[in-house]
C-alpha atoms as a PDB file:
ATOM      1  CA  UNK A   1     -60.661 -67.383  20.309  1.00  0.00           C
ATOM      2  CA  UNK A   2     -58.576 -66.016  17.447  1.00  0.00           C
ATOM      3  CA  UNK A   3     -60.806 -65.144  14.475  1.00  0.00           C
ATOM      4  CA  UNK A   4     -58.365 -64.020  11.786  1.00  0.00           C
ATOM      5  CA  UNK A   5     -54.677 -64.454  10.947  1.00  0.00           C
ATOM      6  CA  UNK A   6     -52.833 -61.790   8.967  1.00  0.00           C
ATOM      7  CA  UNK A   7     -49.466 -61.920   7.165  1.00  0.00           C
ATOM      8  CA  UNK A   8     -47.384 -58.930   6.071  1.00  0.00           C
ATOM      9  CA  UNK A   9     -45.000 -58.869   3.096  1.00  0.00           C
ATOM     10  CA  UNK A  10     -42.223 -60.404   5.238  1.00  0.00           C
ATOM     11  CA  UNK A  11     -44.520 -63.297   6.209  1.00  0.00           C
ATOM     12  CA  UNK A  12     -44.810 -62.140   9.808  1.00  0.00           C
ATOM     13  CA  UNK A  13     -47.960 -63.346  11.533  1.00  0.00           C
ATOM     14  CA  UNK A  14     -50.589 -61.269  13.366  1.00  0.00           C
ATOM     15  CA  UNK A  15     -53.577 -62.452  15.409  1.00  0.00           C
ATOM     16  CA  UNK A  16     -56.984 -60.732  15.450  1.00  0.00           C
ATOM     17  CA  UNK A  17     -59.951 -61.231  17.762  1.00  0.00           C
ATOM     18  CA  UNK A  18     -62.035 -58.043  17.487  1.00  0.00           C
ATOM     19  CA  UNK A  19     -61.791 -54.295  16.994  1.00  0.00           C
ATOM     20  CA  UNK A  20     -59.083 -52.530  15.000  1.00  0.00           C
ATOM     21  CA  UNK A  21     -55.691 -54.253  14.863  1.00  0.00           C
ATOM     22  CA  UNK A  22     -52.662 -52.096  15.681  1.00  0.00           C
ATOM     23  CA  UNK A  23     -49.296 -53.237  14.301  1.00  0.00           C
ATOM     24  CA  UNK A  24     -45.840 -51.744  13.777  1.00  0.00           C
ATOM     25  CA  UNK A  25     -46.869 -51.367  10.125  1.00  0.00           C
ATOM     26  CA  UNK A  26     -50.005 -49.384  10.890  1.00  0.00           C
ATOM     27  CA  UNK A  27     -53.602 -50.083  11.872  1.00  0.00           C
ATOM     28  CA  UNK A  28     -56.024 -52.377  10.061  1.00  0.00           C
ATOM     29  CA  UNK A  29     -59.684 -51.495  10.501  1.00  0.00           C
ATOM     30  CA  UNK A  30     -62.146 -54.054  11.844  1.00  0.00           C
ATOM     31  CA  UNK A  31     -64.409 -53.540   8.816  1.00  0.00           C
ATOM     32  CA  UNK A  32     -61.625 -54.794   6.531  1.00  0.00           C
ATOM     33  CA  UNK A  33     -61.222 -58.127   8.338  1.00  0.00           C
ATOM     34  CA  UNK A  34     -63.890 -59.766   6.164  1.00  0.00           C
ATOM     35  CA  UNK A  35     -61.701 -59.257   3.074  1.00  0.00           C
ATOM     36  CA  UNK A  36     -58.848 -61.401   1.732  1.00  0.00           C
ATOM     37  CA  UNK A  37     -56.488 -58.433   1.866  1.00  0.00           C
ATOM     38  CA  UNK A  38     -56.326 -55.170   3.781  1.00  0.00           C
ATOM     39  CA  UNK A  39     -54.230 -52.020   3.561  1.00  0.00           C
ATOM     40  CA  UNK A  40     -53.021 -50.545   6.842  1.00  0.00           C
ATOM     41  CA  UNK A  41     -52.948 -46.867   7.791  1.00  0.00           C
ATOM     42  CA  UNK A  42     -49.335 -46.752   6.506  1.00  0.00           C
ATOM     43  CA  UNK A  43     -50.279 -48.335   3.140  1.00  0.00           C
ATOM     44  CA  UNK A  44     -48.873 -51.780   3.966  1.00  0.00           C
ATOM     45  CA  UNK A  45     -50.640 -54.785   2.427  1.00  0.00           C
ATOM     46  CA  UNK A  46     -51.746 -57.668   4.679  1.00  0.00           C
ATOM     47  CA  UNK A  47     -53.129 -61.046   3.577  1.00  0.00           C
ATOM     48  CA  UNK A  48     -56.063 -62.199   5.765  1.00  0.00           C
ATOM     49  CA  UNK A  49     -57.061 -65.796   6.570  1.00  0.00           C
ATOM     50  CA  UNK A  50     -59.732 -67.341   8.767  1.00  0.00           C
ATOM     51  CA  UNK A  51     -58.068 -68.707  11.914  1.00  0.00           C
ATOM     52  CA  UNK A  52     -58.120 -72.408  12.736  1.00  0.00           C
ATOM     53  CA  UNK A  53     -57.690 -74.337  15.982  1.00  0.00           C
ATOM     54  CA  UNK A  54     -53.897 -74.318  15.809  1.00  0.00           C
ATOM     55  CA  UNK A  55     -53.824 -70.539  15.455  1.00  0.00           C
ATOM     56  CA  UNK A  56     -55.777 -70.203  18.706  1.00  0.00           C
ATOM     57  CA  UNK A  57     -53.583 -72.820  20.376  1.00  0.00           C
ATOM     58  CA  UNK A  58     -50.479 -70.775  19.560  1.00  0.00           C
ATOM     59  CA  UNK A  59     -51.832 -67.928  21.707  1.00  0.00           C
ATOM     60  CA  UNK A  60     -52.651 -69.833  24.906  1.00  0.00           C
ATOM     61  CA  UNK A  61     -50.965 -68.772  28.116  1.00  0.00           C
ATOM     62  CA  UNK A  62     -47.810 -70.781  28.706  1.00  0.00           C
ATOM     63  CA  UNK A  63     -45.843 -71.596  31.826  1.00  0.00           C
ATOM     64  CA  UNK A  64     -43.509 -74.570  31.375  1.00  0.00           C
ATOM     65  CA  UNK A  65     -42.045 -75.431  27.982  1.00  0.00           C
ATOM     66  CA  UNK A  66     -44.601 -76.862  25.562  1.00  0.00           C
ATOM     67  CA  UNK A  67     -44.319 -80.058  23.548  1.00  0.00           C
ATOM     68  CA  UNK A  68     -43.228 -79.277  19.996  1.00  0.00           C
ATOM     69  CA  UNK A  69     -45.658 -79.834  17.131  1.00  0.00           C
ATOM     70  CA  UNK A  70     -43.200 -82.032  15.229  1.00  0.00           C
ATOM     71  CA  UNK A  71     -43.009 -84.337  18.252  1.00  0.00           C
ATOM     72  CA  UNK A  72     -46.767 -84.338  18.773  1.00  0.00           C
ATOM     73  CA  UNK A  73     -47.182 -85.458  15.180  1.00  0.00           C
ATOM     74  CA  UNK A  74     -44.933 -88.452  15.821  1.00  0.00           C
ATOM     75  CA  UNK A  75     -46.838 -89.405  18.984  1.00  0.00           C
ATOM     76  CA  UNK A  76     -50.151 -89.303  17.123  1.00  0.00           C
ATOM     77  CA  UNK A  77     -48.797 -91.245  14.144  1.00  0.00           C
ATOM     78  CA  UNK A  78     -46.790 -93.997  15.814  1.00  0.00           C
ATOM     79  CA  UNK A  79     -49.084 -94.738  18.761  1.00  0.00           C
ATOM     80  CA  UNK A  80     -52.010 -95.862  16.586  1.00  0.00           C
ATOM     81  CA  UNK A  81     -54.661 -93.923  18.520  1.00  0.00           C
ATOM     82  CA  UNK A  82     -57.967 -92.937  16.942  1.00  0.00           C
ATOM     83  CA  UNK A  83     -61.349 -91.355  17.708  1.00  0.00           C
ATOM     84  CA  UNK A  84     -62.275 -94.226  20.055  1.00  0.00           C
ATOM     85  CA  UNK A  85     -59.081 -94.109  22.121  1.00  0.00           C
ATOM     86  CA  UNK A  86     -58.852 -93.159  25.799  1.00  0.00           C
ATOM     87  CA  UNK A  87     -55.534 -91.489  26.640  1.00  0.00           C
ATOM     88  CA  UNK A  88     -53.825 -90.618  29.926  1.00  0.00           C
ATOM     89  CA  UNK A  89     -51.025 -88.101  30.266  1.00  0.00           C
ATOM     90  CA  UNK A  90     -48.908 -86.707  33.086  1.00  0.00           C
ATOM     91  CA  UNK A  91     -47.097 -83.412  33.232  1.00  0.00           C
ATOM     92  CA  UNK A  92     -49.887 -81.348  31.682  1.00  0.00           C
ATOM     93  CA  UNK A  93     -47.979 -78.057  31.881  1.00  0.00           C
ATOM     94  CA  UNK A  94     -49.889 -75.440  29.904  1.00  0.00           C
ATOM     95  CA  UNK A  95     -52.072 -78.047  28.168  1.00  0.00           C
ATOM     96  CA  UNK A  96     -50.574 -77.761  24.671  1.00  0.00           C
ATOM     97  CA  UNK A  97     -50.167 -81.512  24.098  1.00  0.00           C
ATOM     98  CA  UNK A  98     -53.448 -82.111  25.915  1.00  0.00           C
ATOM     99  CA  UNK A  99     -55.251 -79.865  23.441  1.00  0.00           C
ATOM    100  CA  UNK A 100     -53.812 -81.634  20.412  1.00  0.00           C
ATOM    101  CA  UNK A 101     -54.543 -85.111  21.780  1.00  0.00           C
ATOM    102  CA  UNK A 102     -58.136 -84.138  22.532  1.00  0.00           C
ATOM    103  CA  UNK A 103     -58.847 -83.476  18.858  1.00  0.00           C
ATOM    104  CA  UNK A 104     -58.002 -87.042  17.828  1.00  0.00           C
ATOM    105  CA  UNK A 105     -59.284 -89.234  20.672  1.00  0.00           C
ATOM    106  CA  UNK A 106     -62.433 -89.886  22.652  1.00  0.00           C
ATOM    107  CA  UNK A 107     -61.098 -88.669  26.001  1.00  0.00           C
ATOM    108  CA  UNK A 108     -57.908 -87.438  27.670  1.00  0.00           C
ATOM    109  CA  UNK A 109     -57.310 -87.904  31.399  1.00  0.00           C
ATOM    110  CA  UNK A 110     -54.620 -85.419  32.352  1.00  0.00           C
ATOM    111  CA  UNK A 111     -52.603 -85.564  35.587  1.00  0.00           C
ATOM    112  CA  UNK A 112     -50.696 -82.543  36.888  1.00  0.00           C
ATOM    113  CA  UNK A 113     -49.575 -82.405  40.533  1.00  0.00           C
ATOM    114  CA  UNK A 114     -48.280 -78.809  40.336  1.00  0.00           C
ATOM    115  CA  UNK A 115     -51.292 -76.721  41.324  1.00  0.00           C
ATOM    116  CA  UNK A 116     -50.239 -73.643  39.327  1.00  0.00           C
ATOM    117  CA  UNK A 117     -49.828 -75.652  36.115  1.00  0.00           C
ATOM    118  CA  UNK A 118     -53.024 -77.563  36.867  1.00  0.00           C
ATOM    119  CA  UNK A 119     -55.016 -74.312  37.054  1.00  0.00           C
ATOM    120  CA  UNK A 120     -53.268 -72.845  34.000  1.00  0.00           C
ATOM    121  CA  UNK A 121     -53.923 -75.839  31.766  1.00  0.00           C
ATOM    122  CA  UNK A 122     -57.515 -76.194  32.883  1.00  0.00           C
ATOM    123  CA  UNK A 123     -58.175 -72.531  32.053  1.00  0.00           C
ATOM    124  CA  UNK A 124     -56.485 -72.867  28.651  1.00  0.00           C
ATOM    125  CA  UNK A 125     -58.566 -75.908  27.743  1.00  0.00           C
ATOM    126  CA  UNK A 126     -61.722 -74.128  28.837  1.00  0.00           C
ATOM    127  CA  UNK A 127     -60.855 -71.078  26.694  1.00  0.00           C
ATOM    128  CA  UNK A 128     -60.329 -73.330  23.675  1.00  0.00           C
ATOM    129  CA  UNK A 129     -63.793 -74.825  24.128  1.00  0.00           C
ATOM    130  CA  UNK A 130     -62.526 -78.402  24.566  1.00  0.00           C
ATOM    131  CA  UNK A 131     -64.942 -80.735  26.348  1.00  0.00           C
ATOM    132  CA  UNK A 132     -63.327 -84.201  26.334  1.00  0.00           C
ATOM    133  CA  UNK A 133     -60.506 -83.626  28.848  1.00  0.00           C
ATOM    134  CA  UNK A 134     -60.653 -84.588  32.529  1.00  0.00           C
ATOM    135  CA  UNK A 135     -58.104 -82.949  34.823  1.00  0.00           C
ATOM    136  CA  UNK A 136     -56.628 -84.420  37.994  1.00  0.00           C
ATOM    137  CA  UNK A 137     -54.466 -82.428  40.393  1.00  0.00           C
ATOM    138  CA  UNK A 138     -52.720 -85.663  41.358  1.00  0.00           C
ATOM    139  CA  UNK A 139     -49.615 -87.703  40.697  1.00  0.00           C
ATOM    140  CA  UNK A 140     -49.901 -90.189  37.811  1.00  0.00           C
ATOM    141  CA  UNK A 141     -49.150 -93.000  40.271  1.00  0.00           C
ATOM    142  CA  UNK A 142     -52.822 -92.694  41.301  1.00  0.00           C
ATOM    143  CA  UNK A 143     -53.979 -93.572  37.768  1.00  0.00           C
ATOM    144  CA  UNK A 144     -56.847 -96.070  37.575  1.00  0.00           C
ATOM    145  CA  UNK A 145     -58.302 -97.941  34.628  1.00  0.00           C
ATOM    146  CA  UNK A 146     -56.809 -99.080  31.327  1.00  0.00           C
ATOM    147  CA  UNK A 147     -55.750 -96.824  28.450  1.00  0.00           C
ATOM    148  CA  UNK A 148     -54.944 -96.973  24.757  1.00  0.00           C
ATOM    149  CA  UNK A 149     -51.980 -94.619  25.272  1.00  0.00           C
ATOM    150  CA  UNK A 150     -50.118 -93.084  28.194  1.00  0.00           C
ATOM    151  CA  UNK A 151     -47.849 -90.077  27.607  1.00  0.00           C
ATOM    152  CA  UNK A 152     -45.376 -88.991  30.276  1.00  0.00           C
ATOM    153  CA  UNK A 153     -43.709 -85.572  30.197  1.00  0.00           C
ATOM    154  CA  UNK A 154     -41.887 -86.108  33.486  1.00  0.00           C
ATOM    155  CA  UNK A 155     -38.296 -85.843  34.662  1.00  0.00           C
ATOM    156  CA  UNK A 156     -38.282 -89.351  36.172  1.00  0.00           C
ATOM    157  CA  UNK A 157     -40.683 -91.608  34.245  1.00  0.00           C
ATOM    158  CA  UNK A 158     -38.697 -94.707  35.294  1.00  0.00           C
ATOM    159  CA  UNK A 159     -40.162 -94.283  38.780  1.00  0.00           C
ATOM    160  CA  UNK A 160     -43.664 -95.125  37.502  1.00  0.00           C
ATOM    161  CA  UNK A 161     -44.784 -98.656  36.731  1.00  0.00           C
ATOM    162  CA  UNK A 162     -48.014 -98.210  34.770  1.00  0.00           C
ATOM    163  CA  UNK A 163     -48.199-101.630  33.108  1.00  0.00           C
ATOM    164  CA  UNK A 164     -51.535-102.392  34.715  1.00  0.00           C
ATOM    165  CA  UNK A 165     -52.983 -99.212  33.174  1.00  0.00           C
ATOM    166  CA  UNK A 166     -52.113-100.074  29.566  1.00  0.00           C
ATOM    167  CA  UNK A 167     -54.192-102.231  27.269  1.00  0.00           C
ATOM    168  CA  UNK A 168     -52.382-105.100  25.550  1.00  0.00           C
ATOM    169  CA  UNK A 169     -50.343-103.973  22.534  1.00  0.00           C
ATOM    170  CA  UNK A 170     -50.602-100.293  23.469  1.00  0.00           C
ATOM    171  CA  UNK A 171     -47.878 -97.737  24.128  1.00  0.00           C
ATOM    172  CA  UNK A 172     -46.432 -95.677  26.895  1.00  0.00           C
ATOM    173  CA  UNK A 173     -44.601 -92.749  25.272  1.00  0.00           C
ATOM    174  CA  UNK A 174     -42.123 -90.710  27.272  1.00  0.00           C
ATOM    175  CA  UNK A 175     -40.968 -87.230  26.246  1.00  0.00           C
ATOM    176  CA  UNK A 176     -37.387 -86.732  27.462  1.00  0.00           C
ATOM    177  CA  UNK A 177     -34.839 -83.997  26.598  1.00  0.00           C
ATOM    178  CA  UNK A 178     -31.721 -85.869  27.722  1.00  0.00           C
ATOM    179  CA  UNK A 179     -30.337 -89.172  26.385  1.00  0.00           C
ATOM    180  CA  UNK A 180     -29.198 -90.223  29.862  1.00  0.00           C
ATOM    181  CA  UNK A 181     -32.833 -90.025  30.950  1.00  0.00           C
ATOM    182  CA  UNK A 182     -33.736 -92.246  28.012  1.00  0.00           C
ATOM    183  CA  UNK A 183     -31.155 -94.821  29.079  1.00  0.00           C
ATOM    184  CA  UNK A 184     -32.450 -94.814  32.655  1.00  0.00           C
ATOM    185  CA  UNK A 185     -36.031 -95.320  31.483  1.00  0.00           C
ATOM    186  CA  UNK A 186     -35.215 -98.134  29.069  1.00  0.00           C
ATOM    187  CA  UNK A 187     -33.117 -99.879  31.715  1.00  0.00           C
ATOM    188  CA  UNK A 188     -35.783 -99.706  34.430  1.00  0.00           C
ATOM    189  CA  UNK A 189     -38.981-100.167  32.436  1.00  0.00           C
ATOM    190  CA  UNK A 190     -40.770-103.516  32.449  1.00  0.00           C
ATOM    191  CA  UNK A 191     -42.364-102.684  29.090  1.00  0.00           C
ATOM    192  CA  UNK A 192     -40.868-103.599  25.718  1.00  0.00           C
ATOM    193  CA  UNK A 193     -38.670-100.836  24.305  1.00  0.00           C
ATOM    194  CA  UNK A 194     -39.786-100.655  20.695  1.00  0.00           C
ATOM    195  CA  UNK A 195     -37.878 -97.528  19.634  1.00  0.00           C
ATOM    196  CA  UNK A 196     -36.502 -94.124  20.589  1.00  0.00           C
ATOM    197  CA  UNK A 197     -36.596 -91.322  18.029  1.00  0.00           C
ATOM    198  CA  UNK A 198     -35.994 -87.610  17.665  1.00  0.00           C
ATOM    199  CA  UNK A 199     -37.576 -85.449  14.980  1.00  0.00           C
ATOM    200  CA  UNK A 200     -35.526 -82.833  13.123  1.00  0.00           C
ATOM    201  CA  UNK A 201     -37.420 -80.197  11.139  1.00  0.00           C
ATOM    202  CA  UNK A 202     -35.843 -77.912   8.537  1.00  0.00           C
ATOM    203  CA  UNK A 203     -37.794 -75.231   6.681  1.00  0.00           C
ATOM    204  CA  UNK A 204     -36.889 -74.059   3.179  1.00  0.00           C
ATOM    205  CA  UNK A 205     -37.050 -70.829   1.224  1.00  0.00           C
ATOM    206  CA  UNK A 206     -39.104 -71.509  -1.899  1.00  0.00           C
ATOM    207  CA  UNK A 207     -38.434 -68.417  -4.021  1.00  0.00           C
ATOM    208  CA  UNK A 208     -35.455 -67.397  -6.131  1.00  0.00           C
ATOM    209  CA  UNK A 209     -33.146 -68.788  -3.428  1.00  0.00           C
ATOM    210  CA  UNK A 210     -34.418 -72.384  -3.207  1.00  0.00           C
ATOM    211  CA  UNK A 211     -32.364 -73.286  -0.174  1.00  0.00           C
ATOM    212  CA  UNK A 212     -32.909 -74.268   3.452  1.00  0.00           C
ATOM    213  CA  UNK A 213     -33.264 -71.521   6.020  1.00  0.00           C
ATOM    214  CA  UNK A 214     -30.255 -70.835   8.190  1.00  0.00           C
ATOM    215  CA  UNK A 215     -32.110 -71.775  11.363  1.00  0.00           C
ATOM    216  CA  UNK A 216     -33.730 -75.131  11.850  1.00  0.00           C
ATOM    217  CA  UNK A 217     -35.858 -76.771  14.492  1.00  0.00           C
ATOM    218  CA  UNK A 218     -33.443 -79.383  15.752  1.00  0.00           C
ATOM    219  CA  UNK A 219     -33.455 -81.489  18.894  1.00  0.00           C
ATOM    220  CA  UNK A 220     -36.293 -80.715  21.282  1.00  0.00           C
ATOM    221  CA  UNK A 221     -36.696 -84.105  22.959  1.00  0.00           C
ATOM    222  CA  UNK A 222     -36.414 -87.842  22.548  1.00  0.00           C
ATOM    223  CA  UNK A 223     -39.609 -89.834  22.173  1.00  0.00           C
ATOM    224  CA  UNK A 224     -39.379 -93.241  23.832  1.00  0.00           C
ATOM    225  CA  UNK A 225     -41.977 -95.778  22.723  1.00  0.00           C
ATOM    226  CA  UNK A 226     -42.554 -98.572  25.241  1.00  0.00           C
ATOM    227  CA  UNK A 227     -45.127-101.241  24.415  1.00  0.00           C
ATOM    228  CA  UNK A 228     -47.131-103.667  26.483  1.00  0.00           C
END
């Protein structure tokens, strides 16, 4: 697990677990990590913060593309899940979304039929110390039981009829990069299409410039909310 996060004067981020930390701006000694600030061997000042869960999550091993945080926030907000919810997901990948879901619900049942991704995500979840995730190296079509939310990060979600696995009034959310995929899903699904959204995130400079940054986090995927 990551223990400390450091920022240099250009707001670049560094991760520390143990021992001395070597950077392009010099070395910070382990003994200085208990302070709020440290000076490197090249006299560069670093701000030091205690790491949180998200900091550790940023350093997990990745394989396939991960779900973006801005999209995860929308899934958590609009689906109405809480600490008593049981969630199923398919297309685990590296386990990034899995990890975030696990912090808000009672249990996550995660289905990944690709054996390499299955092993990767299981190892990542184990390293993060998460205990409320069950992994299945199976296709989501084998899902049993009823859930408060089902999330599909699959190329062809329209090929899965999971109505029997959703509780009344609950959502199936599909994460799709292409609008033609969205159209295919909405056309084929037997669930009620409540809405499709995309989240655009733009960060700002808050100093003498007071303007948006030149780069922004634009389209990553469409979120399709289907309700039983």
